[in-house]
N, C-alpha and C. Protein backbone atom coordinates (compact mmCIF):
# COMPACT_ATOMS: atom_id res chain seq x y z
N UNK A 1 0.85 -1.19 0.00
CA UNK A 1 0.00 0.00 0.00
C UNK A 1 0.89 1.25 0.00
N UNK A 2 0.60 2.20 -0.88
CA UNK A 2 1.35 3.44 -0.99
C UNK A 2 0.57 4.56 -0.35
N UNK A 3 1.14 5.15 0.68
CA UNK A 3 0.47 6.26 1.35
C UNK A 3 0.70 7.56 0.59
N UNK A 4 -0.04 8.61 1.01
CA UNK A 4 0.12 9.92 0.38
C UNK A 4 1.56 10.42 0.55
N UNK A 5 2.14 10.17 1.75
CA UNK A 5 3.51 10.59 1.99
C UNK A 5 4.48 9.89 1.05
N UNK A 6 4.25 8.57 0.87
CA UNK A 6 5.11 7.80 -0.03
C UNK A 6 5.02 8.34 -1.45
N UNK A 7 3.79 8.68 -1.86
CA UNK A 7 3.57 9.18 -3.21
C UNK A 7 4.28 10.51 -3.41
N UNK A 8 4.16 11.39 -2.41
CA UNK A 8 4.80 12.70 -2.49
C UNK A 8 6.33 12.54 -2.50
N UNK A 9 6.82 11.61 -1.67
CA UNK A 9 8.25 11.37 -1.60
C UNK A 9 8.77 10.86 -2.95
N UNK A 10 8.03 9.90 -3.53
CA UNK A 10 8.42 9.33 -4.81
C UNK A 10 8.39 10.39 -5.90
N UNK A 11 7.34 11.24 -5.86
CA UNK A 11 7.22 12.31 -6.85
C UNK A 11 8.38 13.29 -6.71
N UNK A 12 8.71 13.61 -5.45
CA UNK A 12 9.83 14.52 -5.20
C UNK A 12 11.14 13.96 -5.72
N UNK A 13 11.35 12.66 -5.49
CA UNK A 13 12.57 12.02 -6.00
C UNK A 13 12.62 12.05 -7.52
N UNK A 14 11.46 11.79 -8.13
CA UNK A 14 11.39 11.79 -9.59
C UNK A 14 11.69 13.17 -10.15
N UNK A 15 11.11 14.19 -9.52
CA UNK A 15 11.35 15.56 -9.97
C UNK A 15 12.82 15.92 -9.78
N UNK A 16 13.36 15.52 -8.60
CA UNK A 16 14.78 15.80 -8.35
C UNK A 16 15.67 15.15 -9.38
N UNK A 17 15.33 13.92 -9.73
CA UNK A 17 16.12 13.22 -10.74
C UNK A 17 16.01 13.88 -12.09
N UNK A 18 14.80 14.35 -12.41
CA UNK A 18 14.58 15.01 -13.69
C UNK A 18 15.39 16.30 -13.79
N UNK A 19 15.51 16.98 -12.63
CA UNK A 19 16.30 18.22 -12.62
C UNK A 19 17.78 17.91 -12.71
N UNK A 20 18.21 16.86 -12.00
CA UNK A 20 19.62 16.52 -11.90
C UNK A 20 20.19 15.97 -13.20
N UNK A 21 19.43 15.13 -13.88
CA UNK A 21 19.94 14.47 -15.08
C UNK A 21 20.37 15.45 -16.17
N UNK A 22 19.56 16.46 -16.49
CA UNK A 22 20.01 17.42 -17.48
C UNK A 22 21.29 18.13 -17.07
N UNK A 23 21.42 18.42 -15.75
CA UNK A 23 22.63 19.08 -15.29
C UNK A 23 23.84 18.19 -15.51
N UNK A 24 23.70 16.92 -15.20
CA UNK A 24 24.80 15.98 -15.41
C UNK A 24 25.13 15.88 -16.89
N UNK A 25 24.09 15.82 -17.72
CA UNK A 25 24.31 15.71 -19.16
C UNK A 25 25.01 16.95 -19.70
N UNK A 26 24.57 18.12 -19.22
CA UNK A 26 25.18 19.37 -19.67
C UNK A 26 26.63 19.45 -19.23
N UNK A 27 26.90 18.96 -18.01
CA UNK A 27 28.27 18.97 -17.51
C UNK A 27 29.16 18.07 -18.35
N UNK A 28 28.65 16.87 -18.67
CA UNK A 28 29.42 15.94 -19.50
C UNK A 28 29.63 16.51 -20.90
N UNK A 29 28.59 17.19 -21.41
CA UNK A 29 28.70 17.79 -22.74
C UNK A 29 29.74 18.90 -22.74
N UNK A 30 29.72 19.73 -21.69
CA UNK A 30 30.69 20.82 -21.59
C UNK A 30 32.10 20.29 -21.52
N UNK A 31 32.30 19.23 -20.75
CA UNK A 31 33.62 18.62 -20.63
C UNK A 31 34.07 18.06 -21.97
N UNK A 32 33.13 17.40 -22.69
CA UNK A 32 33.45 16.84 -24.00
C UNK A 32 33.84 17.94 -24.99
N UNK A 33 33.09 19.05 -24.94
CA UNK A 33 33.38 20.16 -25.85
C UNK A 33 34.73 20.79 -25.51
N UNK A 34 35.08 20.87 -24.22
CA UNK A 34 36.35 21.45 -23.81
C UNK A 34 37.51 20.59 -24.28
N UNK A 35 37.36 19.27 -24.17
CA UNK A 35 38.41 18.36 -24.64
C UNK A 35 38.55 18.47 -26.16
N UNK A 36 37.43 18.58 -26.86
CA UNK A 36 37.48 18.74 -28.32
C UNK A 36 38.21 20.03 -28.70
N UNK A 37 37.92 21.10 -27.96
CA UNK A 37 38.61 22.37 -28.22
C UNK A 37 40.09 22.26 -27.91
N UNK A 38 40.43 21.56 -26.84
CA UNK A 38 41.82 21.36 -26.45
C UNK A 38 42.61 20.63 -27.52
N UNK A 39 41.95 19.72 -28.21
CA UNK A 39 42.63 18.92 -29.23
C UNK A 39 42.84 19.66 -30.55
N UNK A 40 42.21 20.80 -30.70
CA UNK A 40 42.38 21.57 -31.94
C UNK A 40 43.76 22.21 -31.96
N UNK A 41 44.52 22.05 -33.04
CA UNK A 41 45.87 22.60 -33.10
C UNK A 41 45.87 24.10 -33.29
N UNK A 42 46.98 24.72 -32.96
CA UNK A 42 47.17 26.15 -33.18
C UNK A 42 47.59 26.41 -34.62
N UNK A 43 47.98 27.65 -34.93
CA UNK A 43 48.32 28.02 -36.31
C UNK A 43 49.53 27.29 -36.87
N UNK A 44 50.40 26.78 -36.02
CA UNK A 44 51.57 26.05 -36.50
C UNK A 44 51.33 24.54 -36.54
N UNK A 45 50.18 24.12 -36.03
CA UNK A 45 49.92 22.68 -35.93
C UNK A 45 50.62 22.10 -34.71
N UNK A 46 50.19 20.94 -34.28
CA UNK A 46 50.85 20.24 -33.17
C UNK A 46 51.82 19.21 -33.72
N UNK A 47 52.94 19.03 -33.04
CA UNK A 47 53.89 17.99 -33.39
C UNK A 47 53.67 16.84 -32.41
N UNK A 48 52.95 15.83 -32.87
CA UNK A 48 52.58 14.72 -31.99
C UNK A 48 53.61 13.60 -32.03
N UNK A 49 53.79 12.96 -30.89
CA UNK A 49 54.55 11.73 -30.79
C UNK A 49 53.61 10.66 -30.24
N UNK A 50 53.63 9.47 -30.84
CA UNK A 50 52.73 8.41 -30.41
C UNK A 50 51.55 8.29 -31.34
N UNK A 51 50.87 7.15 -31.33
CA UNK A 51 49.79 6.87 -32.27
C UNK A 51 48.50 7.63 -31.98
N UNK A 52 47.73 7.90 -33.03
CA UNK A 52 46.46 8.62 -32.89
C UNK A 52 45.46 7.86 -32.04
N UNK A 53 45.53 6.54 -32.05
CA UNK A 53 44.53 5.74 -31.33
C UNK A 53 44.96 5.39 -29.91
N UNK A 54 46.00 6.05 -29.39
CA UNK A 54 46.44 5.79 -28.02
C UNK A 54 45.33 6.15 -27.04
N UNK A 55 45.18 5.35 -25.99
CA UNK A 55 44.15 5.60 -24.99
C UNK A 55 44.40 6.87 -24.19
N UNK A 56 45.65 7.23 -24.05
CA UNK A 56 46.04 8.36 -23.22
C UNK A 56 46.71 9.45 -24.06
N UNK A 57 46.25 10.67 -23.91
CA UNK A 57 46.81 11.81 -24.64
C UNK A 57 47.31 12.85 -23.64
N UNK A 58 48.55 13.29 -23.84
CA UNK A 58 49.15 14.30 -22.95
C UNK A 58 49.50 15.53 -23.77
N UNK A 59 49.01 16.68 -23.34
CA UNK A 59 49.38 17.97 -23.92
C UNK A 59 50.11 18.76 -22.85
N UNK A 60 51.34 19.18 -23.15
CA UNK A 60 52.11 19.97 -22.20
C UNK A 60 52.24 21.40 -22.71
N UNK A 61 51.91 22.36 -21.85
CA UNK A 61 52.20 23.77 -22.12
C UNK A 61 53.46 24.12 -21.32
N UNK A 62 54.49 24.59 -22.03
CA UNK A 62 55.77 24.84 -21.37
C UNK A 62 56.42 26.10 -21.91
N UNK A 63 57.37 26.61 -21.14
CA UNK A 63 58.21 27.72 -21.57
C UNK A 63 59.66 27.23 -21.63
N UNK A 64 60.38 27.63 -22.67
CA UNK A 64 61.75 27.15 -22.84
C UNK A 64 62.68 27.69 -21.76
N UNK A 65 62.32 28.79 -21.09
CA UNK A 65 63.15 29.35 -20.03
C UNK A 65 62.68 28.96 -18.64
N UNK A 66 61.70 28.10 -18.55
CA UNK A 66 61.15 27.65 -17.26
C UNK A 66 62.03 26.53 -16.70
N UNK A 67 62.59 26.74 -15.52
CA UNK A 67 63.49 25.74 -14.94
C UNK A 67 62.75 24.45 -14.57
N UNK A 68 61.49 24.56 -14.17
CA UNK A 68 60.70 23.37 -13.83
C UNK A 68 60.39 22.56 -15.09
N UNK A 69 60.17 23.26 -16.20
CA UNK A 69 59.95 22.57 -17.48
C UNK A 69 61.21 21.82 -17.90
N UNK A 70 62.35 22.49 -17.75
CA UNK A 70 63.63 21.86 -18.10
C UNK A 70 63.88 20.63 -17.23
N UNK A 71 63.57 20.74 -15.94
CA UNK A 71 63.75 19.60 -15.04
C UNK A 71 62.87 18.43 -15.45
N UNK A 72 61.62 18.72 -15.83
CA UNK A 72 60.73 17.67 -16.30
C UNK A 72 61.32 16.99 -17.53
N UNK A 73 61.81 17.78 -18.48
CA UNK A 73 62.31 17.21 -19.73
C UNK A 73 63.65 16.49 -19.56
N UNK A 74 64.39 16.83 -18.52
CA UNK A 74 65.63 16.11 -18.26
C UNK A 74 65.38 14.84 -17.47
N UNK A 75 64.46 14.89 -16.52
CA UNK A 75 64.32 13.79 -15.56
C UNK A 75 63.16 12.85 -15.86
N UNK A 76 62.01 13.41 -16.23
CA UNK A 76 60.80 12.59 -16.43
C UNK A 76 60.60 12.20 -17.89
N UNK A 77 60.83 13.14 -18.79
CA UNK A 77 60.55 12.93 -20.20
C UNK A 77 61.19 11.68 -20.80
N UNK A 78 62.49 11.42 -20.56
CA UNK A 78 63.08 10.22 -21.17
C UNK A 78 62.36 8.93 -20.78
N UNK A 79 61.98 8.81 -19.49
CA UNK A 79 61.28 7.61 -19.03
C UNK A 79 59.86 7.55 -19.58
N UNK A 80 59.18 8.69 -19.60
CA UNK A 80 57.82 8.75 -20.15
C UNK A 80 57.83 8.32 -21.62
N UNK A 81 58.79 8.83 -22.35
CA UNK A 81 58.88 8.50 -23.78
C UNK A 81 59.19 7.02 -23.99
N UNK A 82 60.15 6.50 -23.24
CA UNK A 82 60.56 5.10 -23.41
C UNK A 82 59.46 4.12 -23.00
N UNK A 83 58.80 4.41 -21.87
CA UNK A 83 57.82 3.46 -21.34
C UNK A 83 56.46 3.54 -22.03
N UNK A 84 56.06 4.73 -22.44
CA UNK A 84 54.68 4.90 -22.87
C UNK A 84 54.49 5.44 -24.29
N UNK A 85 55.37 6.34 -24.74
CA UNK A 85 55.18 6.92 -26.07
C UNK A 85 55.77 6.02 -27.14
N UNK A 86 57.00 5.59 -26.93
CA UNK A 86 57.65 4.71 -27.93
C UNK A 86 56.97 3.35 -28.03
N UNK A 87 56.26 2.96 -26.98
CA UNK A 87 55.55 1.67 -26.98
C UNK A 87 54.12 1.80 -27.49
N UNK A 88 53.72 3.02 -27.89
CA UNK A 88 52.40 3.21 -28.51
C UNK A 88 51.24 3.34 -27.54
N UNK A 89 51.52 3.53 -26.24
CA UNK A 89 50.44 3.60 -25.26
C UNK A 89 49.95 5.03 -25.03
N UNK A 90 50.81 6.01 -25.30
CA UNK A 90 50.50 7.41 -25.01
C UNK A 90 50.84 8.26 -26.22
N UNK A 91 50.01 9.30 -26.45
CA UNK A 91 50.27 10.30 -27.48
C UNK A 91 50.57 11.62 -26.79
N UNK A 92 51.60 12.31 -27.26
CA UNK A 92 52.11 13.49 -26.55
C UNK A 92 52.40 14.63 -27.52
N UNK A 93 52.13 15.86 -27.05
CA UNK A 93 52.60 17.03 -27.79
C UNK A 93 53.00 18.12 -26.81
N UNK A 94 53.98 18.90 -27.22
CA UNK A 94 54.47 20.05 -26.46
C UNK A 94 53.97 21.32 -27.14
N UNK A 95 53.29 22.16 -26.38
CA UNK A 95 52.78 23.42 -26.92
C UNK A 95 53.51 24.62 -26.30
N UNK A 96 53.60 25.67 -27.10
CA UNK A 96 54.34 26.86 -26.72
C UNK A 96 53.56 27.73 -25.73
N UNK A 97 54.23 28.04 -24.62
CA UNK A 97 53.69 29.00 -23.66
C UNK A 97 54.86 29.83 -23.12
N UNK A 98 55.49 30.62 -23.99
CA UNK A 98 56.69 31.36 -23.58
C UNK A 98 56.39 32.40 -22.51
N UNK A 99 57.21 32.44 -21.49
CA UNK A 99 57.02 33.37 -20.39
C UNK A 99 57.79 34.68 -20.57
N UNK A 100 58.63 34.74 -21.61
CA UNK A 100 59.43 35.93 -21.84
C UNK A 100 59.91 35.91 -23.30
N UNK A 101 60.47 37.03 -23.78
CA UNK A 101 60.90 37.10 -25.19
C UNK A 101 61.97 36.07 -25.56
N UNK A 102 62.84 35.73 -24.62
CA UNK A 102 63.88 34.73 -24.91
C UNK A 102 63.26 33.36 -25.16
N UNK A 103 62.26 33.01 -24.37
CA UNK A 103 61.55 31.73 -24.57
C UNK A 103 60.82 31.73 -25.91
N UNK A 104 60.25 32.87 -26.28
CA UNK A 104 59.60 32.99 -27.58
C UNK A 104 60.60 32.75 -28.70
N UNK A 105 61.79 33.35 -28.59
CA UNK A 105 62.83 33.16 -29.59
C UNK A 105 63.24 31.70 -29.69
N UNK A 106 63.37 31.03 -28.55
CA UNK A 106 63.76 29.63 -28.53
C UNK A 106 62.72 28.76 -29.24
N UNK A 107 61.44 29.03 -28.98
CA UNK A 107 60.39 28.26 -29.65
C UNK A 107 60.36 28.55 -31.15
N UNK A 108 60.60 29.79 -31.54
CA UNK A 108 60.65 30.13 -32.96
C UNK A 108 61.74 29.35 -33.66
N UNK A 109 62.89 29.24 -33.02
CA UNK A 109 64.01 28.49 -33.60
C UNK A 109 63.69 27.00 -33.69
N UNK A 110 62.99 26.48 -32.70
CA UNK A 110 62.60 25.07 -32.73
C UNK A 110 61.58 24.79 -33.83
N UNK A 111 60.79 25.79 -34.17
CA UNK A 111 59.73 25.63 -35.17
C UNK A 111 60.19 25.89 -36.60
N UNK A 112 61.22 26.71 -36.79
CA UNK A 112 61.49 27.20 -38.14
C UNK A 112 62.21 26.19 -39.03
N UNK A 113 62.61 25.05 -38.47
CA UNK A 113 63.31 24.05 -39.29
C UNK A 113 62.47 22.81 -39.54
N UNK A 114 61.15 22.92 -39.34
CA UNK A 114 60.25 21.80 -39.65
C UNK A 114 59.96 20.92 -38.45
N UNK A 115 58.88 20.15 -38.57
CA UNK A 115 58.42 19.31 -37.46
C UNK A 115 59.47 18.29 -37.01
N UNK A 116 60.25 17.77 -37.96
CA UNK A 116 61.22 16.72 -37.62
C UNK A 116 62.29 17.22 -36.66
N UNK A 117 62.55 18.52 -36.65
CA UNK A 117 63.59 19.08 -35.78
C UNK A 117 63.03 19.65 -34.47
N UNK A 118 61.70 19.65 -34.33
CA UNK A 118 61.08 20.31 -33.17
C UNK A 118 61.56 19.70 -31.85
N UNK A 119 61.43 18.38 -31.71
CA UNK A 119 61.84 17.77 -30.45
C UNK A 119 63.35 17.67 -30.27
N UNK A 120 64.12 17.38 -31.32
CA UNK A 120 65.57 17.45 -31.13
C UNK A 120 66.06 18.81 -30.63
N UNK A 121 65.45 19.89 -31.14
CA UNK A 121 65.89 21.22 -30.72
C UNK A 121 65.37 21.56 -29.32
N UNK A 122 64.09 21.29 -29.05
CA UNK A 122 63.58 21.59 -27.71
C UNK A 122 64.29 20.74 -26.65
N UNK A 123 64.58 19.48 -26.98
CA UNK A 123 65.33 18.63 -26.04
C UNK A 123 66.71 19.22 -25.77
N UNK A 124 67.39 19.65 -26.83
CA UNK A 124 68.71 20.25 -26.70
C UNK A 124 68.66 21.49 -25.81
N UNK A 125 67.69 22.35 -26.07
CA UNK A 125 67.60 23.61 -25.32
C UNK A 125 67.20 23.39 -23.87
N UNK A 126 66.33 22.43 -23.62
CA UNK A 126 65.99 22.11 -22.22
C UNK A 126 67.20 21.51 -21.50
N UNK A 127 67.89 20.59 -22.17
CA UNK A 127 69.05 19.94 -21.55
C UNK A 127 70.15 20.94 -21.20
N UNK A 128 70.34 21.91 -22.08
CA UNK A 128 71.43 22.88 -21.91
C UNK A 128 70.93 24.25 -21.45
N UNK A 129 69.77 24.30 -20.84
CA UNK A 129 69.14 25.58 -20.49
C UNK A 129 70.06 26.55 -19.74
N UNK A 130 70.82 26.10 -18.74
CA UNK A 130 71.66 27.06 -18.00
C UNK A 130 72.72 27.75 -18.86
N UNK A 131 73.14 27.10 -19.94
CA UNK A 131 74.23 27.66 -20.75
C UNK A 131 73.78 28.73 -21.72
N UNK A 132 72.45 28.88 -21.91
CA UNK A 132 71.98 29.94 -22.81
C UNK A 132 70.92 30.85 -22.16
N UNK A 133 70.12 30.30 -21.27
CA UNK A 133 69.03 31.10 -20.69
C UNK A 133 69.48 31.93 -19.50
N UNK A 134 70.53 31.52 -18.83
CA UNK A 134 70.96 32.19 -17.60
C UNK A 134 72.43 32.58 -17.64
N UNK A 135 72.89 33.01 -18.80
CA UNK A 135 74.30 33.38 -18.96
C UNK A 135 74.57 34.72 -18.28
N UNK A 136 75.82 34.92 -17.94
CA UNK A 136 76.23 36.15 -17.28
C UNK A 136 76.87 37.10 -18.30
N UNK A 137 76.74 38.40 -18.05
CA UNK A 137 77.39 39.39 -18.90
C UNK A 137 78.91 39.17 -18.86
N UNK A 138 79.62 39.47 -19.94
CA UNK A 138 79.17 40.29 -21.09
C UNK A 138 78.44 39.50 -22.19
N UNK A 139 78.39 38.16 -22.09
CA UNK A 139 77.68 37.41 -23.13
C UNK A 139 76.19 37.62 -22.98
N UNK A 140 75.49 37.74 -24.12
CA UNK A 140 74.04 37.90 -24.10
C UNK A 140 73.37 36.55 -24.30
N UNK A 141 72.14 36.37 -23.77
CA UNK A 141 71.43 35.11 -23.99
C UNK A 141 71.21 34.79 -25.46
N UNK A 142 70.97 35.81 -26.29
CA UNK A 142 70.75 35.56 -27.72
C UNK A 142 72.01 35.03 -28.37
N UNK A 143 73.17 35.59 -28.00
CA UNK A 143 74.44 35.09 -28.55
C UNK A 143 74.68 33.65 -28.10
N UNK A 144 74.38 33.38 -26.84
CA UNK A 144 74.53 32.01 -26.33
C UNK A 144 73.58 31.06 -27.04
N UNK A 145 72.38 31.53 -27.33
CA UNK A 145 71.40 30.73 -28.05
C UNK A 145 71.88 30.45 -29.47
N UNK A 146 72.47 31.44 -30.10
CA UNK A 146 73.00 31.26 -31.45
C UNK A 146 74.10 30.20 -31.46
N UNK A 147 75.00 30.26 -30.48
CA UNK A 147 76.07 29.27 -30.39
C UNK A 147 75.50 27.86 -30.18
N UNK A 148 74.46 27.78 -29.33
CA UNK A 148 73.83 26.49 -29.07
C UNK A 148 73.21 25.91 -30.34
N UNK A 149 72.55 26.75 -31.12
CA UNK A 149 71.84 26.27 -32.31
C UNK A 149 72.77 25.89 -33.45
N UNK A 150 74.02 26.26 -33.36
CA UNK A 150 74.98 25.78 -34.36
C UNK A 150 75.06 24.26 -34.34
N UNK A 151 74.82 23.67 -33.17
CA UNK A 151 74.82 22.21 -33.06
C UNK A 151 73.69 21.59 -33.87
N UNK A 152 72.64 22.37 -34.11
CA UNK A 152 71.49 21.88 -34.88
C UNK A 152 71.57 22.31 -36.35
N UNK A 153 72.72 22.86 -36.74
CA UNK A 153 72.93 23.20 -38.15
C UNK A 153 72.49 24.59 -38.56
N UNK A 154 72.29 25.49 -37.59
CA UNK A 154 71.87 26.85 -37.91
C UNK A 154 73.08 27.73 -38.23
N UNK A 155 73.08 28.30 -39.40
CA UNK A 155 74.07 29.33 -39.72
C UNK A 155 73.63 30.64 -39.08
N UNK A 156 74.51 31.63 -39.06
CA UNK A 156 74.15 32.94 -38.52
C UNK A 156 72.99 33.54 -39.31
N UNK A 157 73.03 33.38 -40.63
CA UNK A 157 71.98 33.93 -41.49
C UNK A 157 70.63 33.26 -41.23
N UNK A 158 70.66 31.94 -41.07
CA UNK A 158 69.42 31.21 -40.81
C UNK A 158 68.86 31.58 -39.43
N UNK A 159 69.72 31.70 -38.46
CA UNK A 159 69.34 32.06 -37.11
C UNK A 159 68.63 33.42 -37.10
N UNK A 160 69.24 34.40 -37.74
CA UNK A 160 68.69 35.75 -37.76
C UNK A 160 67.40 35.83 -38.56
N UNK A 161 67.35 35.10 -39.67
CA UNK A 161 66.13 35.10 -40.49
C UNK A 161 64.96 34.51 -39.73
N UNK A 162 65.22 33.47 -38.96
CA UNK A 162 64.17 32.82 -38.18
C UNK A 162 63.59 33.78 -37.15
N UNK A 163 64.45 34.52 -36.46
CA UNK A 163 64.00 35.42 -35.41
C UNK A 163 63.33 36.68 -35.95
N UNK A 164 63.49 36.93 -37.25
CA UNK A 164 62.83 38.08 -37.88
C UNK A 164 61.50 37.70 -38.55
N UNK A 165 61.13 36.43 -38.45
CA UNK A 165 59.92 35.94 -39.10
C UNK A 165 58.69 36.36 -38.29
N UNK A 166 58.02 37.42 -38.72
CA UNK A 166 56.89 37.96 -37.97
C UNK A 166 55.72 36.98 -37.90
N UNK A 167 55.48 36.25 -38.98
CA UNK A 167 54.39 35.27 -39.00
C UNK A 167 54.63 34.18 -37.96
N UNK A 168 55.86 33.72 -37.87
CA UNK A 168 56.21 32.70 -36.89
C UNK A 168 56.08 33.24 -35.47
N UNK A 169 56.53 34.46 -35.27
CA UNK A 169 56.42 35.12 -33.96
C UNK A 169 54.95 35.22 -33.53
N UNK A 170 54.11 35.65 -34.44
CA UNK A 170 52.68 35.78 -34.13
C UNK A 170 52.05 34.43 -33.82
N UNK A 171 52.45 33.41 -34.55
CA UNK A 171 51.86 32.08 -34.37
C UNK A 171 52.24 31.50 -33.01
N UNK A 172 53.49 31.63 -32.61
CA UNK A 172 53.92 31.13 -31.30
C UNK A 172 53.14 31.82 -30.19
N UNK A 173 52.98 33.12 -30.30
CA UNK A 173 52.25 33.85 -29.27
C UNK A 173 50.76 33.57 -29.30
N UNK A 174 50.23 33.21 -30.47
CA UNK A 174 48.81 32.85 -30.56
C UNK A 174 48.52 31.56 -29.80
N UNK A 175 49.47 30.61 -29.85
CA UNK A 175 49.31 29.37 -29.09
C UNK A 175 49.26 29.68 -27.59
N UNK A 176 50.16 30.55 -27.14
CA UNK A 176 50.17 30.94 -25.73
C UNK A 176 48.86 31.63 -25.35
N UNK A 177 48.43 32.57 -26.18
CA UNK A 177 47.24 33.36 -25.85
C UNK A 177 46.00 32.48 -25.76
N UNK A 178 45.89 31.51 -26.66
CA UNK A 178 44.74 30.60 -26.61
C UNK A 178 44.81 29.73 -25.35
N UNK A 179 46.00 29.29 -24.99
CA UNK A 179 46.14 28.53 -23.76
C UNK A 179 45.73 29.35 -22.56
N UNK A 180 46.08 30.61 -22.57
CA UNK A 180 45.75 31.53 -21.48
C UNK A 180 44.26 31.82 -21.42
N UNK A 181 43.69 32.18 -22.55
CA UNK A 181 42.30 32.63 -22.60
C UNK A 181 41.29 31.48 -22.54
N UNK A 182 41.55 30.43 -23.31
CA UNK A 182 40.58 29.35 -23.47
C UNK A 182 40.73 28.26 -22.43
N UNK A 183 41.98 27.92 -22.09
CA UNK A 183 42.21 26.78 -21.19
C UNK A 183 42.75 27.20 -19.83
N UNK A 184 42.86 28.53 -19.62
CA UNK A 184 43.23 29.10 -18.32
C UNK A 184 44.59 28.60 -17.83
N UNK A 185 45.49 28.39 -18.76
CA UNK A 185 46.87 28.07 -18.37
C UNK A 185 47.51 29.34 -17.82
N UNK A 186 48.07 29.25 -16.62
CA UNK A 186 48.67 30.44 -16.02
C UNK A 186 50.06 30.18 -15.42
N UNK A 187 50.58 28.98 -15.65
CA UNK A 187 51.91 28.65 -15.17
C UNK A 187 52.46 27.49 -15.98
N UNK A 188 53.77 27.30 -15.89
CA UNK A 188 54.40 26.20 -16.63
C UNK A 188 55.27 25.36 -15.69
N UNK A 189 55.32 24.05 -15.96
CA UNK A 189 54.53 23.36 -16.99
C UNK A 189 53.10 23.10 -16.51
N UNK A 190 52.19 23.05 -17.47
CA UNK A 190 50.82 22.61 -17.23
C UNK A 190 50.52 21.47 -18.19
N UNK A 191 50.02 20.37 -17.65
CA UNK A 191 49.72 19.19 -18.46
C UNK A 191 48.21 18.98 -18.52
N UNK A 192 47.74 18.56 -19.68
CA UNK A 192 46.36 18.09 -19.83
C UNK A 192 46.44 16.62 -20.23
N UNK A 193 46.02 15.75 -19.32
CA UNK A 193 46.06 14.31 -19.57
C UNK A 193 44.63 13.84 -19.77
N UNK A 194 44.31 13.47 -21.01
CA UNK A 194 42.93 13.16 -21.40
C UNK A 194 41.97 14.26 -20.96
N UNK A 195 42.44 15.50 -21.10
CA UNK A 195 41.60 16.66 -20.82
C UNK A 195 41.66 17.17 -19.40
N UNK A 196 42.22 16.39 -18.47
CA UNK A 196 42.31 16.82 -17.06
C UNK A 196 43.60 17.61 -16.85
N UNK A 197 43.48 18.73 -16.13
CA UNK A 197 44.62 19.62 -15.92
C UNK A 197 45.47 19.19 -14.71
N UNK A 198 46.80 19.24 -14.91
CA UNK A 198 47.76 18.99 -13.84
C UNK A 198 48.83 20.07 -13.93
N UNK A 199 48.98 20.85 -12.85
CA UNK A 199 49.91 21.98 -12.86
C UNK A 199 51.20 21.61 -12.14
N UNK A 200 52.32 22.04 -12.71
CA UNK A 200 53.60 21.85 -12.07
C UNK A 200 54.36 20.66 -12.59
N UNK A 201 55.64 20.64 -12.26
CA UNK A 201 56.53 19.56 -12.68
C UNK A 201 56.03 18.22 -12.13
N UNK A 202 56.05 17.18 -12.98
CA UNK A 202 55.57 15.86 -12.56
C UNK A 202 56.70 14.84 -12.70
N UNK A 203 56.83 14.00 -11.69
CA UNK A 203 57.78 12.89 -11.77
C UNK A 203 57.18 11.78 -12.60
N UNK A 204 57.98 10.80 -12.97
CA UNK A 204 57.44 9.67 -13.74
C UNK A 204 56.45 8.89 -12.87
N UNK A 205 56.71 8.83 -11.56
CA UNK A 205 55.78 8.14 -10.66
C UNK A 205 54.45 8.87 -10.59
N UNK A 206 54.52 10.21 -10.53
CA UNK A 206 53.29 10.99 -10.50
C UNK A 206 52.49 10.85 -11.79
N UNK A 207 53.20 10.81 -12.91
CA UNK A 207 52.50 10.62 -14.19
C UNK A 207 51.88 9.24 -14.29
N UNK A 208 52.58 8.25 -13.79
CA UNK A 208 52.06 6.89 -13.88
C UNK A 208 50.79 6.71 -13.05
N UNK A 209 50.66 7.45 -11.95
CA UNK A 209 49.44 7.37 -11.15
C UNK A 209 48.22 7.82 -11.95
N UNK A 210 48.44 8.71 -12.91
CA UNK A 210 47.36 9.19 -13.76
C UNK A 210 47.20 8.30 -15.00
N UNK A 211 48.33 7.92 -15.59
CA UNK A 211 48.31 7.19 -16.85
C UNK A 211 47.81 5.76 -16.71
N UNK A 212 48.29 5.06 -15.69
CA UNK A 212 47.98 3.63 -15.56
C UNK A 212 46.48 3.33 -15.47
N UNK A 213 45.71 4.08 -14.66
CA UNK A 213 44.26 3.80 -14.65
C UNK A 213 43.60 4.03 -16.01
N UNK A 214 44.09 5.02 -16.77
CA UNK A 214 43.54 5.27 -18.10
C UNK A 214 43.81 4.10 -19.02
N UNK A 215 45.02 3.55 -18.90
CA UNK A 215 45.41 2.42 -19.76
C UNK A 215 44.85 1.09 -19.27
N UNK A 216 44.31 1.11 -18.03
CA UNK A 216 43.80 -0.14 -17.46
C UNK A 216 44.91 -1.01 -16.96
N UNK A 217 46.06 -0.38 -16.66
CA UNK A 217 47.22 -1.16 -16.19
C UNK A 217 47.20 -1.32 -14.68
């Protein structure tokens, strides 16, 4: 037997559920749309490592002059790449978020020689960051950067032409601005792992805590 109170209670639950379900659906839709927006490349395109069908996708926003970014790329990146990217489990891209004009110049140099040189150059610059980003007078950071890029085959003419490329300059800054405005990136490094934001330098153990459940490992 259903009493009046039971009926009212059941009706209230039904109404509550009806109100809640659309909210949940809208929340899921908003999250889906945000991830879709996050996956859209900037004007220079993304340089991806790893297969398109990987279960786990990592997008890193970094600055070439950020010491925490350099530490991540020296300490965590090699293990992340060997264990998960080279084995086809994770897809990764590094996006430009320069914190100063020198970082912008470094990203421009990494971009101006084609996608195949992007990671070799960014790896080189992160590995050797103290020798060009934090040099002491009378040497200038730009001169130190030029000397460093000779290892990547840059002549003086090529180096200068790259840094004078206004279209490239605008494109690098557009990636940063979209990260700032659309995805609320406000520090480096910032990682988006399957759309979820993680701020700050991450160890390989910290990354695995996020990656393994996604992979079902």
